[in-house]
């Protein structure tokens, strides 16, 4: 069940490591959700919606020009929908989304990571 996050107050913030694209940047104070306890992503690397990645799938399909494109596209979208917090800007970073997205694309297309990253 998806949570409608509510921030804790400024006095309740917790000090946690600040990580940007797998690089530690020291400690920063983070808000957390008072309903579910999820710690808020405070970096500039914010998560985007599924629509952004669906548009990228479409661009990859046009680039590759392979038969069965609509079927593969639908399977990829279904896999993205199965990931519960994929578009939750509170708990997910864009970098984490990109890693998940690349792994799902590679499941259906035999293309290298660098080709996929060109579209991101």
PDB file of N, CA and C in Angstrom:
ATOM      1  N   UNK A   1       0.830  -1.171   0.000  1.00  0.00           N
ATOM      2  CA  UNK A   1       0.000   0.000   0.000  1.00  0.00           C
ATOM      3  C   UNK A   1       0.881   1.243   0.000  1.00  0.00           C
ATOM      4  N   UNK A   2       0.601   2.159  -0.877  1.00  0.00           N
ATOM      5  CA  UNK A   2       1.399   3.360  -1.017  1.00  0.00           C
ATOM      6  C   UNK A   2       1.042   4.365   0.071  1.00  0.00           C
ATOM      7  N   UNK A   3       2.061   4.954   0.654  1.00  0.00           N
ATOM      8  CA  UNK A   3       1.886   5.899   1.748  1.00  0.00           C
ATOM      9  C   UNK A   3       1.829   7.327   1.199  1.00  0.00           C
ATOM     10  N   UNK A   4       0.938   8.145   1.764  1.00  0.00           N
ATOM     11  CA  UNK A   4       0.937   9.583   1.504  1.00  0.00           C
ATOM     12  C   UNK A   4       1.824  10.188   2.579  1.00  0.00           C
ATOM     13  N   UNK A   5       3.090  10.339   2.242  1.00  0.00           N
ATOM     14  CA  UNK A   5       4.090  10.721   3.235  1.00  0.00           C
ATOM     15  C   UNK A   5       3.800  12.076   3.877  1.00  0.00           C
ATOM     16  N   UNK A   6       4.046  12.124   5.171  1.00  0.00           N
ATOM     17  CA  UNK A   6       3.955  13.359   5.941  1.00  0.00           C
ATOM     18  C   UNK A   6       5.295  13.540   6.649  1.00  0.00           C
ATOM     19  N   UNK A   7       5.950  14.670   6.391  1.00  0.00           N
ATOM     20  CA  UNK A   7       7.255  14.945   6.996  1.00  0.00           C
ATOM     21  C   UNK A   7       7.149  15.130   8.496  1.00  0.00           C
ATOM     22  N   UNK A   8       8.207  14.695   9.166  1.00  0.00           N
ATOM     23  CA  UNK A   8       8.331  14.995  10.586  1.00  0.00           C
ATOM     24  C   UNK A   8       8.718  16.472  10.708  1.00  0.00           C
ATOM     25  N   UNK A   9       8.695  16.984  11.882  1.00  0.00           N
ATOM     26  CA  UNK A   9       9.096  18.376  12.091  1.00  0.00           C
ATOM     27  C   UNK A   9      10.602  18.545  11.979  1.00  0.00           C
ATOM     28  N   UNK A  10      11.033  19.794  11.930  1.00  0.00           N
ATOM     29  CA  UNK A  10      12.465  20.057  11.809  1.00  0.00           C
ATOM     30  C   UNK A  10      13.253  19.603  13.030  1.00  0.00           C
ATOM     31  N   UNK A  11      12.632  19.589  14.179  1.00  0.00           N
ATOM     32  CA  UNK A  11      13.340  19.163  15.387  1.00  0.00           C
ATOM     33  C   UNK A  11      13.469  17.646  15.483  1.00  0.00           C
ATOM     34  N   UNK A  12      12.648  16.911  14.733  1.00  0.00           N
ATOM     35  CA  UNK A  12      12.695  15.449  14.778  1.00  0.00           C
ATOM     36  C   UNK A  12      13.600  14.845  13.708  1.00  0.00           C
ATOM     37  N   UNK A  13      14.181  15.648  12.840  1.00  0.00           N
ATOM     38  CA  UNK A  13      15.029  15.127  11.768  1.00  0.00           C
ATOM     39  C   UNK A  13      16.121  14.228  12.341  1.00  0.00           C
ATOM     40  N   UNK A  14      16.566  13.277  11.513  1.00  0.00           N
ATOM     41  CA  UNK A  14      17.632  12.370  11.924  1.00  0.00           C
ATOM     42  C   UNK A  14      18.863  12.603  11.051  1.00  0.00           C
ATOM     43  N   UNK A  15      20.032  12.438  11.652  1.00  0.00           N
ATOM     44  CA  UNK A  15      21.283  12.609  10.924  1.00  0.00           C
ATOM     45  C   UNK A  15      21.697  11.259  10.331  1.00  0.00           C
ATOM     46  N   UNK A  16      21.810  11.232   9.014  1.00  0.00           N
ATOM     47  CA  UNK A  16      22.164  10.002   8.302  1.00  0.00           C
ATOM     48  C   UNK A  16      23.175  10.313   7.211  1.00  0.00           C
ATOM     49  N   UNK A  17      23.846   9.278   6.681  1.00  0.00           N
ATOM     50  CA  UNK A  17      24.781   9.517   5.580  1.00  0.00           C
ATOM     51  C   UNK A  17      24.059  10.087   4.361  1.00  0.00           C
ATOM     52  N   UNK A  18      24.718  11.023   3.708  1.00  0.00           N
ATOM     53  CA  UNK A  18      24.197  11.611   2.475  1.00  0.00           C
ATOM     54  C   UNK A  18      24.959  10.963   1.323  1.00  0.00           C
ATOM     55  N   UNK A  19      24.248  10.213   0.487  1.00  0.00           N
ATOM     56  CA  UNK A  19      24.873   9.451  -0.595  1.00  0.00           C
ATOM     57  C   UNK A  19      24.345   9.962  -1.927  1.00  0.00           C
ATOM     58  N   UNK A  20      25.275  10.289  -2.844  1.00  0.00           N
ATOM     59  CA  UNK A  20      24.921  10.738  -4.183  1.00  0.00           C
ATOM     60  C   UNK A  20      25.567   9.791  -5.177  1.00  0.00           C
ATOM     61  N   UNK A  21      24.745   9.050  -5.917  1.00  0.00           N
ATOM     62  CA  UNK A  21      25.227   8.092  -6.916  1.00  0.00           C
ATOM     63  C   UNK A  21      26.323   7.182  -6.361  1.00  0.00           C
ATOM     64  N   UNK A  22      26.035   6.587  -5.225  1.00  0.00           N
ATOM     65  CA  UNK A  22      26.898   5.637  -4.524  1.00  0.00           C
ATOM     66  C   UNK A  22      28.175   6.252  -3.951  1.00  0.00           C
ATOM     67  N   UNK A  23      28.253   7.584  -3.846  1.00  0.00           N
ATOM     68  CA  UNK A  23      29.406   8.255  -3.253  1.00  0.00           C
ATOM     69  C   UNK A  23      28.953   8.933  -1.962  1.00  0.00           C
ATOM     70  N   UNK A  24      29.630   8.612  -0.869  1.00  0.00           N
ATOM     71  CA  UNK A  24      29.287   9.193   0.431  1.00  0.00           C
ATOM     72  C   UNK A  24      29.732  10.648   0.473  1.00  0.00           C
ATOM     73  N   UNK A  25      28.833  11.513   0.936  1.00  0.00           N
ATOM     74  CA  UNK A  25      29.099  12.949   1.013  1.00  0.00           C
ATOM     75  C   UNK A  25      28.947  13.479   2.442  1.00  0.00           C
ATOM     76  N   UNK A  26      29.237  12.654   3.410  1.00  0.00           N
ATOM     77  CA  UNK A  26      29.139  13.081   4.797  1.00  0.00           C
ATOM     78  C   UNK A  26      27.752  12.837   5.373  1.00  0.00           C
ATOM     79  N   UNK A  27      27.443  13.553   6.448  1.00  0.00           N
ATOM     80  CA  UNK A  27      26.150  13.413   7.119  1.00  0.00           C
ATOM     81  C   UNK A  27      25.289  14.646   6.859  1.00  0.00           C
ATOM     82  N   UNK A  28      23.984  14.426   6.775  1.00  0.00           N
ATOM     83  CA  UNK A  28      23.009  15.508   6.647  1.00  0.00           C
ATOM     84  C   UNK A  28      21.767  15.111   7.429  1.00  0.00           C
ATOM     85  N   UNK A  29      21.009  16.124   7.826  1.00  0.00           N
ATOM     86  CA  UNK A  29      19.774  15.820   8.541  1.00  0.00           C
ATOM     87  C   UNK A  29      18.667  15.520   7.524  1.00  0.00           C
ATOM     88  N   UNK A  30      17.934  14.453   7.759  1.00  0.00           N
ATOM     89  CA  UNK A  30      16.888  13.983   6.855  1.00  0.00           C
ATOM     90  C   UNK A  30      15.528  14.013   7.552  1.00  0.00           C
ATOM     91  N   UNK A  31      14.505  14.379   6.810  1.00  0.00           N
ATOM     92  CA  UNK A  31      13.140  14.209   7.288  1.00  0.00           C
ATOM     93  C   UNK A  31      12.769  12.730   7.154  1.00  0.00           C
ATOM     94  N   UNK A  32      11.782  12.321   7.908  1.00  0.00           N
ATOM     95  CA  UNK A  32      11.233  10.981   7.737  1.00  0.00           C
ATOM     96  C   UNK A  32       9.715  11.087   7.805  1.00  0.00           C
ATOM     97  N   UNK A  33       9.045  10.096   7.266  1.00  0.00           N
ATOM     98  CA  UNK A  33       7.584  10.065   7.252  1.00  0.00           C
ATOM     99  C   UNK A  33       7.087   9.609   8.619  1.00  0.00           C
ATOM    100  N   UNK A  34       6.161  10.372   9.182  1.00  0.00           N
ATOM    101  CA  UNK A  34       5.640   9.991  10.509  1.00  0.00           C
ATOM    102  C   UNK A  34       4.648   8.835  10.417  1.00  0.00           C
ATOM    103  N   UNK A  35       4.187   8.512   9.205  1.00  0.00           N
ATOM    104  CA  UNK A  35       3.255   7.381   9.040  1.00  0.00           C
ATOM    105  C   UNK A  35       3.986   6.056   8.860  1.00  0.00           C
ATOM    106  N   UNK A  36       4.935   6.026   7.922  1.00  0.00           N
ATOM    107  CA  UNK A  36       5.573   4.743   7.594  1.00  0.00           C
ATOM    108  C   UNK A  36       7.026   4.651   8.045  1.00  0.00           C
ATOM    109  N   UNK A  37       7.641   5.786   8.415  1.00  0.00           N
ATOM    110  CA  UNK A  37       9.023   5.776   8.880  1.00  0.00           C
ATOM    111  C   UNK A  37      10.059   5.857   7.776  1.00  0.00           C
ATOM    112  N   UNK A  38       9.635   5.964   6.514  1.00  0.00           N
ATOM    113  CA  UNK A  38      10.563   6.034   5.388  1.00  0.00           C
ATOM    114  C   UNK A  38      11.360   7.333   5.459  1.00  0.00           C
ATOM    115  N   UNK A  39      12.671   7.235   5.256  1.00  0.00           N
ATOM    116  CA  UNK A  39      13.537   8.400   5.291  1.00  0.00           C
ATOM    117  C   UNK A  39      13.509   9.082   3.932  1.00  0.00           C
ATOM    118  N   UNK A  40      13.413  10.394   3.943  1.00  0.00           N
ATOM    119  CA  UNK A  40      13.268  11.175   2.714  1.00  0.00           C
ATOM    120  C   UNK A  40      14.601  11.325   1.980  1.00  0.00           C
ATOM    121  N   UNK A  41      14.562  11.143   0.665  1.00  0.00           N
ATOM    122  CA  UNK A  41      15.719  11.387  -0.183  1.00  0.00           C
ATOM    123  C   UNK A  41      15.878  12.897  -0.308  1.00  0.00           C
ATOM    124  N   UNK A  42      16.996  13.437   0.177  1.00  0.00           N
ATOM    125  CA  UNK A  42      17.175  14.883   0.176  1.00  0.00           C
ATOM    126  C   UNK A  42      18.118  15.363  -0.914  1.00  0.00           C
ATOM    127  N   UNK A  43      18.676  14.461  -1.675  1.00  0.00           N
ATOM    128  CA  UNK A  43      19.628  14.851  -2.701  1.00  0.00           C
ATOM    129  C   UNK A  43      18.966  15.470  -3.916  1.00  0.00           C
ATOM    130  N   UNK A  44      19.783  15.978  -4.801  1.00  0.00           N
ATOM    131  CA  UNK A  44      19.273  16.558  -6.042  1.00  0.00           C
ATOM    132  C   UNK A  44      18.900  15.470  -7.049  1.00  0.00           C
ATOM    133  N   UNK A  45      19.269  14.249  -6.741  1.00  0.00           N
ATOM    134  CA  UNK A  45      19.017  13.099  -7.619  1.00  0.00           C
ATOM    135  C   UNK A  45      17.627  12.533  -7.320  1.00  0.00           C
ATOM    136  N   UNK A  46      16.588  13.313  -7.608  1.00  0.00           N
ATOM    137  CA  UNK A  46      15.204  12.950  -7.267  1.00  0.00           C
ATOM    138  C   UNK A  46      14.626  11.942  -8.243  1.00  0.00           C
ATOM    139  N   UNK A  47      13.777  11.096  -7.748  1.00  0.00           N
ATOM    140  CA  UNK A  47      13.101  10.096  -8.572  1.00  0.00           C
ATOM    141  C   UNK A  47      12.124  10.778  -9.536  1.00  0.00           C
ATOM    142  N   UNK A  48      11.931  10.154 -10.685  1.00  0.00           N
ATOM    143  CA  UNK A  48      10.963  10.659 -11.653  1.00  0.00           C
ATOM    144  C   UNK A  48       9.830   9.649 -11.789  1.00  0.00           C
ATOM    145  N   UNK A  49       8.778  10.046 -12.441  1.00  0.00           N
ATOM    146  CA  UNK A  49       7.631   9.174 -12.621  1.00  0.00           C
ATOM    147  C   UNK A  49       7.882   8.083 -13.644  1.00  0.00           C
ATOM    148  N   UNK A  50       7.008   7.092 -13.648  1.00  0.00           N
ATOM    149  CA  UNK A  50       7.128   5.990 -14.611  1.00  0.00           C
ATOM    150  C   UNK A  50       7.005   6.478 -16.054  1.00  0.00           C
ATOM    151  N   UNK A  51       6.248   7.539 -16.267  1.00  0.00           N
ATOM    152  CA  UNK A  51       6.057   8.068 -17.614  1.00  0.00           C
ATOM    153  C   UNK A  51       7.362   8.449 -18.288  1.00  0.00           C
ATOM    154  N   UNK A  52       8.306   8.974 -17.528  1.00  0.00           N
ATOM    155  CA  UNK A  52       9.622   9.323 -18.055  1.00  0.00           C
ATOM    156  C   UNK A  52      10.295   8.089 -18.646  1.00  0.00           C
ATOM    157  N   UNK A  53      10.247   6.988 -17.923  1.00  0.00           N
ATOM    158  CA  UNK A  53      10.899   5.760 -18.372  1.00  0.00           C
ATOM    159  C   UNK A  53      10.125   5.091 -19.507  1.00  0.00           C
ATOM    160  N   UNK A  54       8.814   5.231 -19.521  1.00  0.00           N
ATOM    161  CA  UNK A  54       8.010   4.687 -20.616  1.00  0.00           C
ATOM    162  C   UNK A  54       8.344   5.418 -21.913  1.00  0.00           C
ATOM    163  N   UNK A  55       8.561   6.729 -21.846  1.00  0.00           N
ATOM    164  CA  UNK A  55       8.979   7.474 -23.028  1.00  0.00           C
ATOM    165  C   UNK A  55      10.353   7.018 -23.513  1.00  0.00           C
ATOM    166  N   UNK A  56      11.236   6.695 -22.601  1.00  0.00           N
ATOM    167  CA  UNK A  56      12.557   6.197 -22.980  1.00  0.00           C
ATOM    168  C   UNK A  56      12.441   4.841 -23.661  1.00  0.00           C
ATOM    169  N   UNK A  57      11.555   3.991 -23.175  1.00  0.00           N
ATOM    170  CA  UNK A  57      11.325   2.691 -23.820  1.00  0.00           C
ATOM    171  C   UNK A  57      10.896   2.914 -25.261  1.00  0.00           C
ATOM    172  N   UNK A  58      10.009   3.849 -25.476  1.00  0.00           N
ATOM    173  CA  UNK A  58       9.533   4.161 -26.820  1.00  0.00           C
ATOM    174  C   UNK A  58      10.682   4.620 -27.715  1.00  0.00           C
ATOM    175  N   UNK A  59      11.560   5.456 -27.188  1.00  0.00           N
ATOM    176  CA  UNK A  59      12.705   5.923 -27.960  1.00  0.00           C
ATOM    177  C   UNK A  59      13.649   4.776 -28.307  1.00  0.00           C
ATOM    178  N   UNK A  60      13.857   3.873 -27.362  1.00  0.00           N
ATOM    179  CA  UNK A  60      14.719   2.711 -27.613  1.00  0.00           C
ATOM    180  C   UNK A  60      14.108   1.831 -28.686  1.00  0.00           C
ATOM    181  N   UNK A  61      12.796   1.626 -28.630  1.00  0.00           N
ATOM    182  CA  UNK A  61      12.095   0.824 -29.643  1.00  0.00           C
ATOM    183  C   UNK A  61      12.296   1.413 -31.037  1.00  0.00           C
ATOM    184  N   UNK A  62      12.156   2.726 -31.156  1.00  0.00           N
ATOM    185  CA  UNK A  62      12.330   3.382 -32.459  1.00  0.00           C
ATOM    186  C   UNK A  62      13.769   3.271 -32.941  1.00  0.00           C
ATOM    187  N   UNK A  63      14.712   3.334 -32.021  1.00  0.00           N
ATOM    188  CA  UNK A  63      16.128   3.247 -32.356  1.00  0.00           C
ATOM    189  C   UNK A  63      16.506   1.845 -32.831  1.00  0.00           C
ATOM    190  N   UNK A  64      16.002   0.820 -32.160  1.00  0.00           N
ATOM    191  CA  UNK A  64      16.376  -0.560 -32.478  1.00  0.00           C
ATOM    192  C   UNK A  64      15.628  -1.125 -33.681  1.00  0.00           C
ATOM    193  N   UNK A  65      14.395  -0.692 -33.892  1.00  0.00           N
ATOM    194  CA  UNK A  65      13.555  -1.148 -35.007  1.00  0.00           C
ATOM    195  C   UNK A  65      13.461  -2.675 -35.062  1.00  0.00           C
ATOM    196  N   UNK A  66      13.113  -3.286 -33.930  1.00  0.00           N
ATOM    197  CA  UNK A  66      12.983  -4.738 -33.854  1.00  0.00           C
ATOM    198  C   UNK A  66      11.516  -5.145 -33.924  1.00  0.00           C
ATOM    199  N   UNK A  67      11.225  -6.322 -34.492  1.00  0.00           N
ATOM    200  CA  UNK A  67       9.837  -6.796 -34.497  1.00  0.00           C
ATOM    201  C   UNK A  67       9.379  -7.155 -33.086  1.00  0.00           C
ATOM    202  N   UNK A  68       8.090  -7.054 -32.863  1.00  0.00           N
ATOM    203  CA  UNK A  68       7.520  -7.360 -31.555  1.00  0.00           C
ATOM    204  C   UNK A  68       7.752  -6.265 -30.539  1.00  0.00           C
ATOM    205  N   UNK A  69       7.944  -5.049 -31.026  1.00  0.00           N
ATOM    206  CA  UNK A  69       8.287  -3.933 -30.147  1.00  0.00           C
ATOM    207  C   UNK A  69       7.186  -3.642 -29.132  1.00  0.00           C
ATOM    208  N   UNK A  70       5.937  -3.646 -29.566  1.00  0.00           N
ATOM    209  CA  UNK A  70       4.848  -3.295 -28.650  1.00  0.00           C
ATOM    210  C   UNK A  70       4.690  -4.336 -27.542  1.00  0.00           C
ATOM    211  N   UNK A  71       4.954  -5.589 -27.852  1.00  0.00           N
ATOM    212  CA  UNK A  71       4.841  -6.650 -26.844  1.00  0.00           C
ATOM    213  C   UNK A  71       5.927  -6.478 -25.789  1.00  0.00           C
ATOM    214  N   UNK A  72       7.157  -6.257 -26.240  1.00  0.00           N
ATOM    215  CA  UNK A  72       8.264  -6.075 -25.299  1.00  0.00           C
ATOM    216  C   UNK A  72       8.048  -4.834 -24.449  1.00  0.00           C
ATOM    217  N   UNK A  73       7.566  -3.780 -25.081  1.00  0.00           N
ATOM    218  CA  UNK A  73       7.328  -2.542 -24.354  1.00  0.00           C
ATOM    219  C   UNK A  73       6.314  -2.772 -23.232  1.00  0.00           C
ATOM    220  N   UNK A  74       5.261  -3.497 -23.550  1.00  0.00           N
ATOM    221  CA  UNK A  74       4.232  -3.784 -22.541  1.00  0.00           C
ATOM    222  C   UNK A  74       4.786  -4.638 -21.401  1.00  0.00           C
ATOM    223  N   UNK A  75       5.645  -5.602 -21.710  1.00  0.00           N
ATOM    224  CA  UNK A  75       6.253  -6.440 -20.677  1.00  0.00           C
ATOM    225  C   UNK A  75       7.158  -5.614 -19.757  1.00  0.00           C
ATOM    226  N   UNK A  76       7.892  -4.680 -20.340  1.00  0.00           N
ATOM    227  CA  UNK A  76       8.763  -3.817 -19.550  1.00  0.00           C
ATOM    228  C   UNK A  76       7.929  -2.937 -18.622  1.00  0.00           C
ATOM    229  N   UNK A  77       6.853  -2.375 -19.159  1.00  0.00           N
ATOM    230  CA  UNK A  77       5.972  -1.524 -18.343  1.00  0.00           C
ATOM    231  C   UNK A  77       5.374  -2.337 -17.200  1.00  0.00           C
ATOM    232  N   UNK A  78       4.969  -3.561 -17.473  1.00  0.00           N
ATOM    233  CA  UNK A  78       4.421  -4.437 -16.424  1.00  0.00           C
ATOM    234  C   UNK A  78       5.462  -4.686 -15.328  1.00  0.00           C
ATOM    235  N   UNK A  79       6.721  -4.918 -15.727  1.00  0.00           N
ATOM    236  CA  UNK A  79       7.777  -5.124 -14.738  1.00  0.00           C
ATOM    237  C   UNK A  79       7.993  -3.874 -13.891  1.00  0.00           C
ATOM    238  N   UNK A  80       7.931  -2.700 -14.517  1.00  0.00           N
ATOM    239  CA  UNK A  80       8.073  -1.447 -13.762  1.00  0.00           C
ATOM    240  C   UNK A  80       6.920  -1.264 -12.780  1.00  0.00           C
ATOM    241  N   UNK A  81       5.715  -1.640 -13.188  1.00  0.00           N
ATOM    242  CA  UNK A  81       4.547  -1.498 -12.323  1.00  0.00           C
ATOM    243  C   UNK A  81       4.610  -2.436 -11.121  1.00  0.00           C
ATOM    244  N   UNK A  82       5.313  -3.552 -11.242  1.00  0.00           N
ATOM    245  CA  UNK A  82       5.431  -4.503 -10.138  1.00  0.00           C
ATOM    246  C   UNK A  82       6.299  -3.961  -9.000  1.00  0.00           C
ATOM    247  N   UNK A  83       7.169  -3.007  -9.310  1.00  0.00           N
ATOM    248  CA  UNK A  83       8.047  -2.441  -8.293  1.00  0.00           C
ATOM    249  C   UNK A  83       7.255  -1.372  -7.550  1.00  0.00           C
ATOM    250  N   UNK A  84       6.913  -1.655  -6.327  1.00  0.00           N
ATOM    251  CA  UNK A  84       5.961  -0.852  -5.571  1.00  0.00           C
ATOM    252  C   UNK A  84       6.380   0.611  -5.399  1.00  0.00           C
ATOM    253  N   UNK A  85       7.585   0.864  -4.974  1.00  0.00           N
ATOM    254  CA  UNK A  85       8.021   2.230  -4.692  1.00  0.00           C
ATOM    255  C   UNK A  85       8.883   2.820  -5.800  1.00  0.00           C
ATOM    256  N   UNK A  86       8.726   2.349  -7.026  1.00  0.00           N
ATOM    257  CA  UNK A  86       9.597   2.788  -8.115  1.00  0.00           C
ATOM    258  C   UNK A  86       9.515   4.295  -8.342  1.00  0.00           C
ATOM    259  N   UNK A  87       8.338   4.874  -8.278  1.00  0.00           N
ATOM    260  CA  UNK A  87       8.211   6.310  -8.534  1.00  0.00           C
ATOM    261  C   UNK A  87       7.994   7.118  -7.256  1.00  0.00           C
ATOM    262  N   UNK A  88       8.370   6.547  -6.117  1.00  0.00           N
ATOM    263  CA  UNK A  88       8.245   7.229  -4.834  1.00  0.00           C
ATOM    264  C   UNK A  88       9.464   8.122  -4.631  1.00  0.00           C
ATOM    265  N   UNK A  89       9.282   9.414  -4.786  1.00  0.00           N
ATOM    266  CA  UNK A  89      10.384  10.370  -4.658  1.00  0.00           C
ATOM    267  C   UNK A  89      10.925  10.419  -3.236  1.00  0.00           C
ATOM    268  N   UNK A  90      10.192   9.886  -2.301  1.00  0.00           N
ATOM    269  CA  UNK A  90      10.615   9.890  -0.904  1.00  0.00           C
ATOM    270  C   UNK A  90      11.733   8.890  -0.654  1.00  0.00           C
ATOM    271  N   UNK A  91      11.585   7.702  -1.199  1.00  0.00           N
ATOM    272  CA  UNK A  91      12.514   6.630  -0.869  1.00  0.00           C
ATOM    273  C   UNK A  91      13.440   6.213  -2.002  1.00  0.00           C
ATOM    274  N   UNK A  92      13.198   6.696  -3.218  1.00  0.00           N
ATOM    275  CA  UNK A  92      13.958   6.239  -4.381  1.00  0.00           C
ATOM    276  C   UNK A  92      14.702   7.415  -5.006  1.00  0.00           C
ATOM    277  N   UNK A  93      15.940   7.168  -5.428  1.00  0.00           N
ATOM    278  CA  UNK A  93      16.691   8.184  -6.167  1.00  0.00           C
ATOM    279  C   UNK A  93      16.612   7.856  -7.657  1.00  0.00           C
ATOM    280  N   UNK A  94      16.906   8.839  -8.479  1.00  0.00           N
ATOM    281  CA  UNK A  94      16.868   8.606  -9.925  1.00  0.00           C
ATOM    282  C   UNK A  94      17.938   7.595 -10.324  1.00  0.00           C
ATOM    283  N   UNK A  95      19.073   7.640  -9.649  1.00  0.00           N
ATOM    284  CA  UNK A  95      20.149   6.698  -9.938  1.00  0.00           C
ATOM    285  C   UNK A  95      19.688   5.261  -9.684  1.00  0.00           C
ATOM    286  N   UNK A  96      19.006   5.045  -8.577  1.00  0.00           N
ATOM    287  CA  UNK A  96      18.478   3.710  -8.276  1.00  0.00           C
ATOM    288  C   UNK A  96      17.439   3.301  -9.315  1.00  0.00           C
ATOM    289  N   UNK A  97      16.596   4.247  -9.740  1.00  0.00           N
ATOM    290  CA  UNK A  97      15.611   3.966 -10.783  1.00  0.00           C
ATOM    291  C   UNK A  97      16.307   3.555 -12.078  1.00  0.00           C
ATOM    292  N   UNK A  98      17.365   4.265 -12.438  1.00  0.00           N
ATOM    293  CA  UNK A  98      18.082   3.959 -13.672  1.00  0.00           C
ATOM    294  C   UNK A  98      18.687   2.566 -13.627  1.00  0.00           C
ATOM    295  N   UNK A  99      19.263   2.164 -12.478  1.00  0.00           N
ATOM    296  CA  UNK A  99      19.832   0.826 -12.350  1.00  0.00           C
ATOM    297  C   UNK A  99      18.760  -0.246 -12.530  1.00  0.00           C
ATOM    298  N   UNK A 100      17.600  -0.037 -11.912  1.00  0.00           N
ATOM    299  CA  UNK A 100      16.491  -0.989 -12.045  1.00  0.00           C
ATOM    300  C   UNK A 100      16.012  -1.037 -13.495  1.00  0.00           C
ATOM    301  N   UNK A 101      15.852   0.138 -14.086  1.00  0.00           N
ATOM    302  CA  UNK A 101      15.368   0.241 -15.459  1.00  0.00           C
ATOM    303  C   UNK A 101      16.309  -0.463 -16.437  1.00  0.00           C
ATOM    304  N   UNK A 102      17.602  -0.255 -16.290  1.00  0.00           N
ATOM    305  CA  UNK A 102      18.584  -0.903 -17.182  1.00  0.00           C
ATOM    306  C   UNK A 102      18.503  -2.416 -17.035  1.00  0.00           C
ATOM    307  N   UNK A 103      18.363  -2.911 -15.814  1.00  0.00           N
ATOM    308  CA  UNK A 103      18.281  -4.364 -15.624  1.00  0.00           C
ATOM    309  C   UNK A 103      17.019  -4.939 -16.274  1.00  0.00           C
ATOM    310  N   UNK A 104      15.919  -4.200 -16.229  1.00  0.00           N
ATOM    311  CA  UNK A 104      14.685  -4.682 -16.859  1.00  0.00           C
ATOM    312  C   UNK A 104      14.812  -4.645 -18.377  1.00  0.00           C
ATOM    313  N   UNK A 105      15.383  -3.588 -18.930  1.00  0.00           N
ATOM    314  CA  UNK A 105      15.568  -3.491 -20.390  1.00  0.00           C
ATOM    315  C   UNK A 105      16.453  -4.628 -20.875  1.00  0.00           C
ATOM    316  N   UNK A 106      17.538  -4.906 -20.148  1.00  0.00           N
ATOM    317  CA  UNK A 106      18.459  -5.969 -20.561  1.00  0.00           C
ATOM    318  C   UNK A 106      17.799  -7.345 -20.522  1.00  0.00           C
ATOM    319  N   UNK A 107      16.745  -7.467 -19.740  1.00  0.00           N
ATOM    320  CA  UNK A 107      16.007  -8.723 -19.661  1.00  0.00           C
ATOM    321  C   UNK A 107      15.318  -9.035 -20.997  1.00  0.00           C
ATOM    322  N   UNK A 108      14.920  -7.988 -21.743  1.00  0.00           N
ATOM    323  CA  UNK A 108      14.167  -8.164 -22.981  1.00  0.00           C
ATOM    324  C   UNK A 108      14.952  -7.823 -24.251  1.00  0.00           C
ATOM    325  N   UNK A 109      16.057  -7.101 -24.105  1.00  0.00           N
ATOM    326  CA  UNK A 109      16.857  -6.711 -25.270  1.00  0.00           C
ATOM    327  C   UNK A 109      18.319  -7.039 -25.043  1.00  0.00           C
ATOM    328  N   UNK A 110      18.981  -7.613 -26.037  1.00  0.00           N
ATOM    329  CA  UNK A 110      20.419  -7.896 -25.898  1.00  0.00           C
ATOM    330  C   UNK A 110      21.254  -6.675 -26.304  1.00  0.00           C
ATOM    331  N   UNK A 111      21.169  -5.607 -25.520  1.00  0.00           N
ATOM    332  CA  UNK A 111      21.924  -4.395 -25.835  1.00  0.00           C
ATOM    333  C   UNK A 111      22.781  -3.998 -24.637  1.00  0.00           C
ATOM    334  N   UNK A 112      23.916  -3.341 -24.887  1.00  0.00           N
ATOM    335  CA  UNK A 112      24.804  -2.962 -23.777  1.00  0.00           C
ATOM    336  C   UNK A 112      24.244  -1.809 -22.942  1.00  0.00           C
ATOM    337  N   UNK A 113      24.744  -1.707 -21.724  1.00  0.00           N
ATOM    338  CA  UNK A 113      24.309  -0.652 -20.802  1.00  0.00           C
ATOM    339  C   UNK A 113      24.527   0.742 -21.380  1.00  0.00           C
ATOM    340  N   UNK A 114      25.652   0.919 -22.074  1.00  0.00           N
ATOM    341  CA  UNK A 114      25.968   2.249 -22.609  1.00  0.00           C
ATOM    342  C   UNK A 114      24.940   2.720 -23.610  1.00  0.00           C
ATOM    343  N   UNK A 115      24.378   1.810 -24.386  1.00  0.00           N
ATOM    344  CA  UNK A 115      23.335   2.185 -25.358  1.00  0.00           C
ATOM    345  C   UNK A 115      22.080   2.654 -24.623  1.00  0.00           C
ATOM    346  N   UNK A 116      21.727   1.964 -23.567  1.00  0.00           N
ATOM    347  CA  UNK A 116      20.547   2.347 -22.789  1.00  0.00           C
ATOM    348  C   UNK A 116      20.789   3.694 -22.104  1.00  0.00           C
ATOM    349  N   UNK A 117      21.997   3.895 -21.568  1.00  0.00           N
ATOM    350  CA  UNK A 117      22.307   5.126 -20.849  1.00  0.00           C
ATOM    351  C   UNK A 117      22.298   6.346 -21.756  1.00  0.00           C
ATOM    352  N   UNK A 118      22.473   6.156 -23.060  1.00  0.00           N
ATOM    353  CA  UNK A 118      22.381   7.277 -23.995  1.00  0.00           C
ATOM    354  C   UNK A 118      21.000   7.920 -23.978  1.00  0.00           C
ATOM    355  N   UNK A 119      19.993   7.140 -23.684  1.00  0.00           N
ATOM    356  CA  UNK A 119      18.614   7.622 -23.698  1.00  0.00           C
ATOM    357  C   UNK A 119      18.185   8.214 -22.355  1.00  0.00           C
ATOM    358  N   UNK A 120      18.933   7.931 -21.284  1.00  0.00           N
ATOM    359  CA  UNK A 120      18.559   8.417 -19.953  1.00  0.00           C
ATOM    360  C   UNK A 120      18.965   9.855 -19.733  1.00  0.00           C
TER     361      UNK A 120
END
